[in-house]
Structures are given as C-alpha cells and as structure tokens.
Amino acid sequence: MSDQNTVPLIQRAFELAPECGSIDELKRKLRAEGYAQVDAHLQGRLIKTQMNGLFLPSETTRRVRF
C-alpha cells in the first residue's frame, strides 16, 4: 500500500466491488489506486465468493424479461 492509501486493501476492495463487473476489473482499479500485492490479497476462494456477490450484474443478467 502506498503512503496515499490509508484504507486497507481488503476494505477498499469491498468499497469498489459494487462498481466492478469482475474480479479482474476490481484488481485493475486497486492497482490504479496504488495498492500492492493485489493478487495475493484477492486469491482466496472465500474473498472471491464475497466479491462475486457484490459485482455489478453483467449486461445479459441486467436485462429484464417479461
């Protein structure tokens, strides 16, 4: 974590996840904010499951069918 990031990586991941569509997008955003070792922090099955529950639905699942 760089000096400018005072929020722990995992906390920031939970904050950003609802704005992302995938774990890869989330990782890109965290790296862009200067976080280090993003892959190591987000590699576990539990954290991936938690993040997947927060991601934006894909375009195909957002469509409502009547």
C-alpha atoms as a PDB file:
ATOM      1  CA  MET A   1       0.000   0.000   0.000  1.00  0.00           C
ATOM      2  CA  SER A   2       1.405   3.382  -0.894  1.00  0.00           C
ATOM      3  CA  ASP A   3       1.510   6.296   1.513  1.00  0.00           C
ATOM      4  CA  GLN A   4      -1.519   7.888  -0.150  1.00  0.00           C
ATOM      5  CA  ASN A   5      -3.729   4.861   0.596  1.00  0.00           C
ATOM      6  CA  THR A   6      -4.789   4.869   4.208  1.00  0.00           C
ATOM      7  CA  VAL A   7      -7.669   2.445   3.694  1.00  0.00           C
ATOM      8  CA  PRO A   8      -6.616  -1.221   3.914  1.00  0.00           C
ATOM      9  CA  LEU A   9      -6.730  -3.069   0.590  1.00  0.00           C
ATOM     10  CA  ILE A  10      -9.478  -5.515   1.600  1.00  0.00           C
ATOM     11  CA  GLN A  11     -11.698  -2.717   2.887  1.00  0.00           C
ATOM     12  CA  ARG A  12     -11.165  -0.757  -0.326  1.00  0.00           C
ATOM     13  CA  ALA A  13     -11.947  -3.888  -2.368  1.00  0.00           C
ATOM     14  CA  PHE A  14     -15.324  -4.170  -0.638  1.00  0.00           C
ATOM     15  CA  GLU A  15     -15.968  -0.490  -1.335  1.00  0.00           C
ATOM     16  CA  LEU A  16     -15.092  -0.794  -5.035  1.00  0.00           C
ATOM     17  CA  ALA A  17     -16.677  -4.184  -5.793  1.00  0.00           C
ATOM     18  CA  PRO A  18     -20.223  -2.858  -6.426  1.00  0.00           C
ATOM     19  CA  GLU A  19     -18.754  -0.611  -9.155  1.00  0.00           C
ATOM     20  CA  CYS A  20     -16.997  -3.514 -10.903  1.00  0.00           C
ATOM     21  CA  GLY A  21     -18.161  -6.303 -13.138  1.00  0.00           C
ATOM     22  CA  SER A  22     -15.412  -8.827 -12.365  1.00  0.00           C
ATOM     23  CA  ILE A  23     -12.506  -9.676 -10.098  1.00  0.00           C
ATOM     24  CA  ASP A  24     -10.101  -8.606 -12.873  1.00  0.00           C
ATOM     25  CA  GLU A  25     -11.704  -5.179 -13.103  1.00  0.00           C
ATOM     26  CA  LEU A  26     -11.546  -4.834  -9.324  1.00  0.00           C
ATOM     27  CA  LYS A  27      -7.852  -5.728  -9.325  1.00  0.00           C
ATOM     28  CA  ARG A  28      -7.150  -3.172 -12.072  1.00  0.00           C
ATOM     29  CA  LYS A  29      -8.873  -0.433 -10.077  1.00  0.00           C
ATOM     30  CA  LEU A  30      -6.979  -1.297  -6.904  1.00  0.00           C
ATOM     31  CA  ARG A  31      -3.646  -1.279  -8.737  1.00  0.00           C
ATOM     32  CA  ALA A  32      -4.537   2.050 -10.352  1.00  0.00           C
ATOM     33  CA  GLU A  33      -5.072   3.450  -6.861  1.00  0.00           C
ATOM     34  CA  GLY A  34      -1.568   2.325  -5.901  1.00  0.00           C
ATOM     35  CA  TYR A  35      -2.275  -0.822  -3.921  1.00  0.00           C
ATOM     36  CA  ALA A  36       0.409  -3.523  -3.994  1.00  0.00           C
ATOM     37  CA  GLN A  37       0.114  -7.317  -3.800  1.00  0.00           C
ATOM     38  CA  VAL A  38      -3.478  -7.180  -5.027  1.00  0.00           C
ATOM     39  CA  ASP A  39      -3.385 -10.738  -6.403  1.00  0.00           C
ATOM     40  CA  ALA A  40      -2.137 -12.136  -3.115  1.00  0.00           C
ATOM     41  CA  HIS A  41      -4.903 -10.428  -1.154  1.00  0.00           C
ATOM     42  CA  LEU A  42      -7.703 -11.473  -3.501  1.00  0.00           C
ATOM     43  CA  GLN A  43      -6.706 -15.043  -4.366  1.00  0.00           C
ATOM     44  CA  GLY A  44      -8.641 -16.985  -1.732  1.00  0.00           C
ATOM     45  CA  ARG A  45     -11.909 -18.741  -2.502  1.00  0.00           C
ATOM     46  CA  LEU A  46     -13.839 -17.016   0.305  1.00  0.00           C
ATOM     47  CA  ILE A  47     -12.839 -13.478  -0.700  1.00  0.00           C
ATOM     48  CA  LYS A  48     -13.605 -14.242  -4.363  1.00  0.00           C
ATOM     49  CA  THR A  49     -17.038 -15.564  -3.393  1.00  0.00           C
ATOM     50  CA  GLN A  50     -17.719 -12.464  -1.309  1.00  0.00           C
ATOM     51  CA  MET A  51     -16.603 -10.144  -4.096  1.00  0.00           C
ATOM     52  CA  ASN A  52     -18.628 -12.014  -6.743  1.00  0.00           C
ATOM     53  CA  GLY A  53     -21.744 -11.356  -4.686  1.00  0.00           C
ATOM     54  CA  LEU A  54     -21.081  -7.620  -4.849  1.00  0.00           C
ATOM     55  CA  PHE A  55     -20.191  -7.152  -8.517  1.00  0.00           C
ATOM     56  CA  LEU A  56     -22.486  -5.428 -10.963  1.00  0.00           C
ATOM     57  CA  PRO A  57     -24.545  -7.949 -12.891  1.00  0.00           C
ATOM     58  CA  SER A  58     -23.390  -8.494 -16.447  1.00  0.00           C
ATOM     59  CA  GLU A  59     -25.284  -6.811 -19.257  1.00  0.00           C
ATOM     60  CA  THR A  60     -27.109 -10.034 -20.067  1.00  0.00           C
ATOM     61  CA  THR A  61     -28.279 -10.624 -16.499  1.00  0.00           C
ATOM     62  CA  ARG A  62     -29.377  -6.996 -16.098  1.00  0.00           C
ATOM     63  CA  ARG A  63     -31.996  -7.345 -18.813  1.00  0.00           C
ATOM     64  CA  VAL A  64     -35.469  -7.947 -17.503  1.00  0.00           C
ATOM     65  CA  ARG A  65     -37.552 -10.345 -19.488  1.00  0.00           C
ATOM     66  CA  PHE A  66     -41.309 -10.196 -19.446  1.00  0.00           C
END
